[in-house]
Protein backbone atom coordinates (compact mmCIF):
# COMPACT_ATOMS: atom_id res chain seq x y z
CA UNK A 1 -164.80 -93.82 29.85
CA UNK A 2 -168.43 -94.36 30.90
CA UNK A 3 -167.69 -97.66 32.13
CA UNK A 4 -164.63 -96.76 34.06
CA UNK A 5 -166.38 -94.08 36.12
CA UNK A 6 -168.82 -96.33 37.95
CA UNK A 7 -165.84 -98.62 38.83
CA UNK A 8 -164.04 -95.84 40.28
CA UNK A 9 -167.04 -94.69 42.30
CA UNK A 10 -167.57 -98.10 43.37
CA UNK A 11 -163.75 -98.44 44.50
CA UNK A 12 -164.05 -95.09 46.35
CA UNK A 13 -167.21 -96.11 48.19
CA UNK A 14 -165.41 -99.38 49.11
CA UNK A 15 -162.53 -97.64 50.39
CA UNK A 16 -164.61 -95.42 52.30
CA UNK A 17 -166.58 -98.32 53.96
CA UNK A 18 -163.33 -100.01 54.57
CA UNK A 19 -162.04 -97.11 56.47
CA UNK A 20 -165.25 -96.56 58.35
CA UNK A 21 -165.17 -100.12 59.71
CA UNK A 22 -161.44 -99.57 60.69
CA UNK A 23 -162.15 -96.32 62.34
CA UNK A 24 -165.21 -97.39 64.30
CA UNK A 25 -164.81 -101.37 65.06
CA UNK A 26 -161.25 -102.25 64.62
CA UNK A 27 -159.14 -101.88 68.01
CA UNK A 28 -156.28 -104.04 67.60
CA UNK A 29 -154.06 -105.79 65.10
CA UNK A 30 -150.73 -107.81 65.02
CA UNK A 31 -148.91 -108.13 61.72
CA UNK A 32 -145.28 -109.29 60.75
CA UNK A 33 -143.46 -107.51 57.88
CA UNK A 34 -139.87 -106.92 56.33
CA UNK A 35 -138.33 -103.76 55.95
CA UNK A 36 -135.08 -102.61 53.98
CA UNK A 37 -133.91 -99.49 55.69
CA UNK A 38 -132.43 -96.78 53.80
CA UNK A 39 -128.83 -97.97 54.85
CA UNK A 40 -129.70 -101.38 53.13
CA UNK A 41 -129.99 -103.16 56.50
CA UNK A 42 -132.81 -105.89 56.60
CA UNK A 43 -135.17 -106.17 59.46
CA UNK A 44 -138.19 -108.12 60.32
CA UNK A 45 -140.89 -106.51 62.30
CA UNK A 46 -143.57 -107.81 64.63
CA UNK A 47 -146.15 -104.89 64.96
CA UNK A 48 -148.79 -104.98 67.48
CA UNK A 49 -151.56 -102.48 67.64
CA UNK A 50 -154.30 -101.85 70.46
CA UNK A 51 -156.64 -99.16 71.26
CA UNK A 52 -157.45 -98.79 74.91
CA UNK A 53 -160.06 -96.00 75.55
CA UNK A 54 -158.66 -92.73 73.83
CA UNK A 55 -155.00 -94.24 73.85
CA UNK A 56 -153.48 -95.65 70.84
CA UNK A 57 -150.61 -98.13 71.67
CA UNK A 58 -148.14 -99.78 69.25
CA UNK A 59 -145.36 -101.88 70.20
CA UNK A 60 -142.76 -103.63 68.01
CA UNK A 61 -140.18 -106.31 68.09
CA UNK A 62 -137.56 -105.33 65.53
CA UNK A 63 -135.21 -108.21 64.47
CA UNK A 64 -132.20 -108.20 62.26
CA UNK A 65 -131.75 -110.00 59.32
CA UNK A 66 -129.49 -112.92 61.01
CA UNK A 67 -132.02 -112.96 64.02
CA UNK A 68 -129.16 -112.61 66.37
CA UNK A 69 -130.43 -108.96 67.58
CA UNK A 70 -133.96 -108.00 68.67
CA UNK A 71 -134.87 -104.60 69.80
CA UNK A 72 -138.35 -103.89 71.64
CA UNK A 73 -140.06 -100.51 71.14
CA UNK A 74 -143.35 -99.19 72.45
CA UNK A 75 -144.90 -95.79 71.59
CA UNK A 76 -148.35 -94.08 71.75
CA UNK A 77 -149.56 -92.37 68.72
CA UNK A 78 -152.71 -92.18 66.62
CA UNK A 79 -151.82 -93.20 63.03
CA UNK A 80 -155.48 -93.86 62.24
CA UNK A 81 -155.00 -97.49 63.28
CA UNK A 82 -152.79 -98.13 60.19
CA UNK A 83 -150.48 -100.96 59.66
CA UNK A 84 -146.56 -101.19 58.92
CA UNK A 85 -146.06 -97.73 60.42
CA UNK A 86 -142.28 -97.98 60.50
CA UNK A 87 -140.78 -96.76 57.61
CA UNK A 88 -137.13 -96.68 58.06
CA UNK A 89 -134.69 -97.84 60.89
CA UNK A 90 -131.57 -95.64 61.72
CA UNK A 91 -128.71 -97.75 63.33
CA UNK A 92 -125.64 -96.36 65.34
CA UNK A 93 -122.77 -98.38 67.09
CA UNK A 94 -120.19 -97.30 69.49
CA UNK A 95 -117.91 -99.72 71.28
CA UNK A 96 -120.12 -102.25 73.19
CA UNK A 97 -123.46 -100.16 72.75
CA UNK A 98 -125.68 -100.51 69.62
CA UNK A 99 -128.90 -98.41 69.03
CA UNK A 100 -131.61 -98.34 66.64
CA UNK A 101 -133.86 -95.25 65.87
CA UNK A 102 -137.30 -96.15 64.15
CA UNK A 103 -138.73 -93.69 62.00
CA UNK A 104 -142.52 -93.73 61.50
CA UNK A 105 -145.10 -92.63 58.98
CA UNK A 106 -145.62 -88.84 58.90
CA UNK A 107 -141.76 -88.70 59.68
CA UNK A 108 -142.69 -89.24 63.45
CA UNK A 109 -139.62 -89.83 65.77
CA UNK A 110 -139.83 -91.31 69.23
CA UNK A 111 -137.27 -93.13 71.71
CA UNK A 112 -134.35 -95.20 70.74
CA UNK A 113 -133.75 -98.86 71.34
CA UNK A 114 -130.25 -99.93 72.74
CA UNK A 115 -128.42 -103.00 73.24
CA UNK A 116 -125.57 -102.88 75.90
CA UNK A 117 -123.33 -105.83 75.57
CA UNK A 118 -125.96 -107.36 73.74
CA UNK A 119 -128.64 -106.92 76.21
CA UNK A 120 -131.59 -104.45 75.90
CA UNK A 121 -131.47 -101.26 78.20
CA UNK A 122 -133.63 -98.17 78.33
CA UNK A 123 -132.35 -94.87 77.14
CA UNK A 124 -133.17 -93.73 80.86
CA UNK A 125 -130.66 -96.29 82.25
CA UNK A 126 -127.92 -95.03 79.90
CA UNK A 127 -128.65 -91.56 81.03
CA UNK A 128 -128.44 -92.46 84.83
CA UNK A 129 -125.20 -94.44 84.29
CA UNK A 130 -123.87 -91.34 82.21
CA UNK A 131 -122.82 -93.68 79.45
CA UNK A 132 -120.43 -91.77 77.10
CA UNK A 133 -120.93 -93.89 74.20
CA UNK A 134 -124.83 -92.99 74.46
CA UNK A 135 -123.95 -89.41 74.59
CA UNK A 136 -122.02 -89.90 71.22
CA UNK A 137 -125.04 -91.77 69.65
CA UNK A 138 -127.51 -89.27 71.13
CA UNK A 139 -125.94 -86.54 69.22
CA UNK A 140 -126.54 -88.59 65.88
CA UNK A 141 -130.06 -89.07 66.95
CA UNK A 142 -130.64 -85.45 67.55
CA UNK A 143 -129.87 -84.83 63.88
CA UNK A 144 -133.20 -87.00 63.20
CA UNK A 145 -135.29 -84.65 65.58
CA UNK A 146 -135.00 -86.55 68.79
CA UNK A 147 -136.77 -84.63 71.61
CA UNK A 148 -134.66 -82.63 73.99
CA UNK A 149 -136.71 -83.82 77.15
CA UNK A 150 -134.97 -87.18 76.95
CA UNK A 151 -131.74 -85.38 77.78
CA UNK A 152 -132.74 -83.00 80.38
CA UNK A 153 -131.61 -84.44 83.56
CA UNK A 154 -130.81 -81.37 85.72
CA UNK A 155 -134.34 -79.31 85.83
CA UNK A 156 -134.25 -77.54 89.17
CA UNK A 157 -136.69 -78.66 91.76
CA UNK A 158 -139.03 -76.33 93.68
CA UNK A 159 -139.43 -76.29 97.50
CA UNK A 160 -143.19 -76.35 98.61
CA UNK A 161 -144.79 -78.02 101.62
CA UNK A 162 -141.69 -79.55 102.87
CA UNK A 163 -141.38 -81.27 99.34
CA UNK A 164 -138.86 -80.72 96.62
CA UNK A 165 -141.07 -81.19 93.20
CA UNK A 166 -139.70 -81.41 89.80
CA UNK A 167 -142.65 -79.95 87.98
CA UNK A 168 -141.13 -80.23 84.63
CA UNK A 169 -140.71 -83.99 85.07
CA UNK A 170 -144.55 -84.57 85.61
CA UNK A 171 -146.39 -85.60 82.63
CA UNK A 172 -149.16 -83.18 81.96
CA UNK A 173 -151.84 -85.71 82.34
CA UNK A 174 -150.51 -87.43 85.58
CA UNK A 175 -151.58 -86.65 88.97
CA UNK A 176 -149.76 -87.84 92.18
CA UNK A 177 -151.32 -88.21 95.68
CA UNK A 178 -148.89 -88.14 98.63
CA UNK A 179 -150.18 -89.29 102.05
CA UNK A 180 -149.18 -86.56 104.64
CA UNK A 181 -150.80 -88.13 107.73
CA UNK A 182 -153.87 -85.82 107.65
CA UNK A 183 -154.72 -85.92 104.02
CA UNK A 184 -152.90 -85.83 100.71
CA UNK A 185 -150.52 -83.38 98.58
CA UNK A 186 -152.04 -83.47 95.15
CA UNK A 187 -148.92 -82.80 92.70
CA UNK A 188 -149.33 -82.16 89.07
CA UNK A 189 -147.54 -80.42 86.46
CA UNK A 190 -149.66 -77.34 87.29
CA UNK A 191 -148.47 -77.10 90.98
CA UNK A 192 -149.24 -78.54 94.32
CA UNK A 193 -152.34 -78.52 96.75
CA UNK A 194 -152.90 -79.85 100.26
CA UNK A 195 -156.05 -81.52 100.85
CA UNK A 196 -156.95 -82.01 104.69
CA UNK A 197 -159.19 -84.76 105.56
CA UNK A 198 -158.49 -85.55 109.23
CA UNK A 199 -158.02 -83.50 112.46
CA UNK A 200 -155.49 -86.09 113.98
CA UNK A 201 -152.59 -87.79 112.13
CA UNK A 202 -153.04 -91.19 110.89
CA UNK A 203 -149.41 -92.39 110.25
CA UNK A 204 -149.41 -95.99 109.09
CA UNK A 205 -152.17 -95.15 106.39
CA UNK A 206 -153.39 -98.78 106.28
CA UNK A 207 -156.95 -97.55 105.46
CA UNK A 208 -156.41 -95.58 102.00
CA UNK A 209 -156.28 -96.74 98.34
CA UNK A 210 -156.37 -95.37 94.99
CA UNK A 211 -159.34 -96.76 92.94
CA UNK A 212 -158.93 -95.47 89.20
CA UNK A 213 -159.06 -91.74 89.33
CA UNK A 214 -160.31 -91.68 93.04
CA UNK A 215 -158.45 -91.89 96.37
CA UNK A 216 -160.42 -93.26 99.14
CA UNK A 217 -159.57 -93.14 102.77
CA UNK A 218 -161.40 -94.03 106.27
CA UNK A 219 -162.14 -91.03 108.56
CA UNK A 220 -160.25 -92.13 111.58
CA UNK A 221 -160.68 -88.91 113.74
CA UNK A 222 -161.92 -90.06 117.31
CA UNK A 223 -160.55 -93.47 116.54
CA UNK A 224 -160.01 -94.18 120.38
CA UNK A 225 -163.54 -93.01 121.37
CA UNK A 226 -165.58 -94.91 118.92
CA UNK A 227 -165.68 -98.63 118.19
CA UNK A 228 -166.60 -98.27 114.60
CA UNK A 229 -165.80 -96.20 111.44
CA UNK A 230 -168.44 -94.17 110.12
CA UNK A 231 -167.28 -92.24 107.05
CA UNK A 232 -165.21 -93.00 103.75
CA UNK A 233 -163.72 -89.79 102.06
CA UNK A 234 -163.85 -90.02 98.46
CA UNK A 235 -161.51 -87.64 96.63
CA UNK A 236 -161.41 -87.19 92.75
CA UNK A 237 -157.88 -86.92 91.61
CA UNK A 238 -158.86 -85.48 88.33
CA UNK A 239 -161.43 -82.87 88.97
CA UNK A 240 -160.90 -82.36 92.64
CA UNK A 241 -164.28 -83.34 93.67
CA UNK A 242 -164.59 -84.77 97.21
CA UNK A 243 -167.65 -86.62 98.83
CA UNK A 244 -168.23 -88.40 102.16
CA UNK A 245 -170.02 -91.84 101.96
CA UNK A 246 -171.60 -92.87 105.26
CA UNK A 247 -170.69 -96.64 106.58
CA UNK A 248 -170.83 -98.37 109.78
CA UNK A 249 -167.71 -100.89 109.91
CA UNK A 250 -165.61 -102.18 112.75
CA UNK A 251 -161.99 -100.76 113.49
CA UNK A 252 -160.89 -104.23 112.43
CA UNK A 253 -161.79 -103.63 108.86
CA UNK A 254 -159.33 -103.44 106.03
CA UNK A 255 -159.10 -103.03 102.29
CA UNK A 256 -158.95 -106.05 100.12
CA UNK A 257 -158.03 -104.34 97.02
CA UNK A 258 -159.44 -102.89 93.86
CA UNK A 259 -161.17 -104.73 90.86
CA UNK A 260 -162.91 -102.97 87.94
CA UNK A 261 -162.47 -99.57 89.69
CA UNK A 262 -164.49 -101.09 92.70
CA UNK A 263 -163.06 -101.00 96.24
CA UNK A 264 -163.50 -104.21 98.37
CA UNK A 265 -163.60 -103.86 102.24
CA UNK A 266 -163.92 -106.52 104.71
CA UNK A 267 -165.03 -106.42 108.20
CA UNK A 268 -163.75 -109.62 109.96
CA UNK A 269 -165.20 -108.97 113.30
CA UNK A 270 -168.83 -108.93 111.68
CA UNK A 271 -167.82 -111.34 109.01
CA UNK A 272 -168.79 -109.04 106.14
CA UNK A 273 -167.48 -107.88 103.08
CA UNK A 274 -168.62 -104.41 101.30
CA UNK A 275 -167.88 -103.06 97.88
CA UNK A 276 -167.57 -99.52 97.33
CA UNK A 277 -168.37 -97.74 93.79
CA UNK A 278 -166.51 -94.38 94.07
CA UNK A 279 -168.17 -93.07 90.93
CA UNK A 280 -171.49 -93.51 92.14
CA UNK A 281 -170.64 -93.24 95.85
CA UNK A 282 -172.46 -96.45 96.61
CA UNK A 283 -171.34 -98.87 99.36
CA UNK A 284 -173.17 -102.26 99.87
CA UNK A 285 -172.76 -105.51 101.33
CA UNK A 286 -171.87 -108.55 99.28
CA UNK A 287 -173.83 -111.70 99.57
CA UNK A 288 -170.75 -113.83 99.01
CA UNK A 289 -167.21 -112.74 99.67
CA UNK A 290 -164.53 -112.46 96.93
CA UNK A 291 -160.83 -112.69 97.26
CA UNK A 292 -158.80 -110.26 94.93
CA UNK A 293 -155.42 -111.33 93.18
CA UNK A 294 -153.98 -109.03 90.77
CA UNK A 295 -157.03 -107.05 90.64
CA UNK A 296 -159.03 -110.02 89.65
CA UNK A 297 -162.02 -111.35 91.65
CA UNK A 298 -162.00 -115.04 92.70
CA UNK A 299 -164.02 -117.17 94.92
CA UNK A 300 -163.12 -116.65 98.60
CA UNK A 301 -161.65 -119.63 100.60
CA UNK A 302 -163.60 -120.92 103.48
CA UNK A 303 -161.18 -119.24 105.94
CA UNK A 304 -161.77 -115.80 104.34
CA UNK A 305 -162.66 -114.09 107.57
CA UNK A 306 -159.88 -115.67 109.69
CA UNK A 307 -157.00 -113.67 108.47
CA UNK A 308 -156.37 -110.65 106.02
CA UNK A 309 -156.54 -111.20 102.48
CA UNK A 310 -155.10 -108.21 100.59
CA UNK A 311 -154.02 -107.97 96.98
CA UNK A 312 -150.45 -108.18 96.35
CA UNK A 313 -150.84 -106.92 92.61
CA UNK A 314 -148.27 -109.52 91.67
CA UNK A 315 -148.95 -111.91 88.75
CA UNK A 316 -147.62 -115.34 88.27
CA UNK A 317 -145.51 -116.18 85.34
CA UNK A 318 -143.77 -119.19 85.12
CA UNK A 319 -141.47 -118.28 82.22
CA UNK A 320 -140.17 -115.13 84.04
CA UNK A 321 -139.74 -116.94 87.26
CA UNK A 322 -137.74 -119.66 85.66
CA UNK A 323 -135.55 -117.29 83.66
CA UNK A 324 -134.87 -114.48 86.11
CA UNK A 325 -135.58 -116.24 89.23
CA UNK A 326 -138.10 -113.47 90.58
CA UNK A 327 -141.90 -113.65 91.53
CA UNK A 328 -142.03 -110.03 91.92
CA UNK A 329 -143.95 -109.46 88.73
CA UNK A 330 -146.60 -106.99 87.66
CA UNK A 331 -148.64 -106.27 84.42
CA UNK A 332 -149.78 -103.26 82.81
CA UNK A 333 -151.78 -103.83 79.49
CA UNK A 334 -150.23 -106.61 77.66
CA UNK A 335 -146.64 -105.87 79.21
CA UNK A 336 -145.10 -107.66 82.00
CA UNK A 337 -142.64 -106.02 84.35
CA UNK A 338 -140.58 -107.69 86.96
CA UNK A 339 -137.84 -106.77 89.56
CA UNK A 340 -134.94 -108.83 90.32
CA UNK A 341 -132.87 -109.17 93.69
CA UNK A 342 -130.26 -106.75 92.51
CA UNK A 343 -132.54 -104.06 92.16
CA UNK A 344 -133.23 -103.97 88.33
CA UNK A 345 -136.70 -103.61 86.91
CA UNK A 346 -137.37 -105.11 83.54
CA UNK A 347 -140.20 -104.75 80.82
CA UNK A 348 -141.35 -107.50 78.65
CA UNK A 349 -142.99 -106.38 75.37
CA UNK A 350 -145.08 -108.96 73.22
CA UNK A 351 -144.18 -111.61 75.62
CA UNK A 352 -140.64 -111.83 74.29
CA UNK A 353 -139.08 -113.24 77.54
CA UNK A 354 -135.78 -113.73 75.94
CA UNK A 355 -135.16 -109.88 75.40
CA UNK A 356 -136.42 -108.00 78.30
CA UNK A 357 -135.78 -104.19 78.49
CA UNK A 358 -133.73 -103.12 81.72
CA UNK A 359 -135.54 -99.89 82.65
CA UNK A 360 -133.36 -99.05 85.60
CA UNK A 361 -131.34 -100.33 88.40
CA UNK A 362 -131.34 -98.90 92.06
CA UNK A 363 -130.54 -100.24 95.57
CA UNK A 364 -133.37 -100.60 97.90
CA UNK A 365 -136.47 -100.03 95.54
CA UNK A 366 -139.73 -99.62 97.51
CA UNK A 367 -143.33 -99.26 96.90
CA UNK A 368 -143.01 -99.90 93.32
CA UNK A 369 -146.45 -99.60 91.23
CA UNK A 370 -147.17 -100.32 87.54
CA UNK A 371 -150.34 -99.02 86.09
CA UNK A 372 -151.68 -96.19 83.74
CA UNK A 373 -148.88 -96.51 81.49
CA UNK A 374 -146.13 -95.57 84.14
CA UNK A 375 -143.72 -97.33 86.52
CA UNK A 376 -143.15 -95.51 89.72
CA UNK A 377 -141.11 -96.35 92.93
CA UNK A 378 -139.32 -94.96 95.92
CA UNK A 379 -135.45 -94.91 96.54
CA UNK A 380 -134.36 -93.17 99.59
CA UNK A 381 -136.24 -89.96 99.82
CA UNK A 382 -137.10 -89.80 96.06
CA UNK A 383 -140.29 -90.68 93.99
CA UNK A 384 -139.49 -91.71 90.52
CA UNK A 385 -141.62 -92.08 87.42
CA UNK A 386 -141.01 -93.86 84.09
CA UNK A 387 -142.98 -93.36 81.05
CA UNK A 388 -142.28 -94.16 77.58
CA UNK A 389 -142.54 -90.43 76.75
CA UNK A 390 -140.76 -88.90 79.44
CA UNK A 391 -138.26 -91.68 80.40
CA UNK A 392 -137.23 -92.14 84.02
CA UNK A 393 -137.57 -88.94 86.14
CA UNK A 394 -137.34 -88.06 89.79
CA UNK A 395 -140.65 -86.40 90.57
CA UNK A 396 -140.17 -85.28 94.16
CA UNK A 397 -137.84 -85.62 97.28
CA UNK A 398 -139.95 -86.12 100.64
CA UNK A 399 -137.71 -86.79 103.69
CA UNK A 400 -140.61 -88.87 105.16
CA UNK A 401 -140.07 -91.56 102.55
CA UNK A 402 -136.91 -92.73 104.34
CA UNK A 403 -138.85 -93.41 107.26
CA UNK A 404 -142.36 -94.31 105.98
CA UNK A 405 -142.85 -95.29 102.47
CA UNK A 406 -145.69 -97.93 102.94
CA UNK A 407 -148.79 -96.83 100.85
CA UNK A 408 -147.80 -93.30 101.21
CA UNK A 409 -148.18 -92.46 97.47
CA UNK A 410 -150.67 -93.11 94.42
CA UNK A 411 -150.81 -91.85 90.83
CA UNK A 412 -153.29 -91.66 88.03
CA UNK A 413 -153.40 -90.78 84.54
CA UNK A 414 -156.23 -88.63 83.24
CA UNK A 415 -157.59 -88.81 79.77
């Protein structure tokens, strides 16, 4: 017994040290494992974990035993960085719709993953299409603790500031900024505020941009009387703070884009480029100009000052272009998103290009953004947001969107 006790203490200490290392130093893992579900179906699971700030993100590719069907799933949950977090998989089929419902450690449940005619579609799309087979399967999932919010589609909107806002559809940690020609409406689940920055209307809004948690715009008042702009207005969308940064740039100036939460501004008239750090309220000239592509800095071309160089936020991906005939591709974290000519938006998880998830389909999607764990876009007079937790929801209706949608909104996710 005397010999066993030191061994047990040593094992306990080793386990403690291992957990300490995992907690403070391990930020990601990727493993493959097999699972026999309670209904005796066999699955192979590719599990990928990554910690980004305070967010714990897991993604899974769940493949059936015959490898004919693959389901992609993405969730946010803190499992103390554990591996093999899927403990069971529920499976239901109705006509040409087939869905699985993963069960996780701690008996946690999240969203479903479905195949419609053998192709992955989101539950949001099935709800939008009022798919009757999905309604049947949803009742089955409800028995497993499926959240009611996924099925709530008729929450009444509130009329404020000439907008129709669906506050219940705005995730608690998301904030929207809507340009209203003299400033911005700030929308959150708590309500709406009207922040006025200008005395005169600025319709086209070419001189505003979201920079992380900040919204930056140029003071364009007295534009006709003065040759230069002298102020940048920096508004913190998270805590509501506002500051003014003094500048001296020509009215030919434009915003190149954002990289590492820094805003790059070019004055072609003076052949100068500047960078703004909104967190420090610092504005300085760069010795060498830089171009921005998908938020990444690169060496400027020799004709940099001859024509505008504005970041399109698109990424290049040869496989997506070849398979789906589109170059309208975005990236958020490790996932790719792309939009096709017929108005479908897809998501690719773990670079599984053969099995993208169709999130939604609308005619005439405008101003779509992908960042901060969300996909947002305008259709007609309505602004939509898609997240893994809330699904696809109409956030607000604004009649101005039908006439002017260019750079008219921005959203940010707080901690």
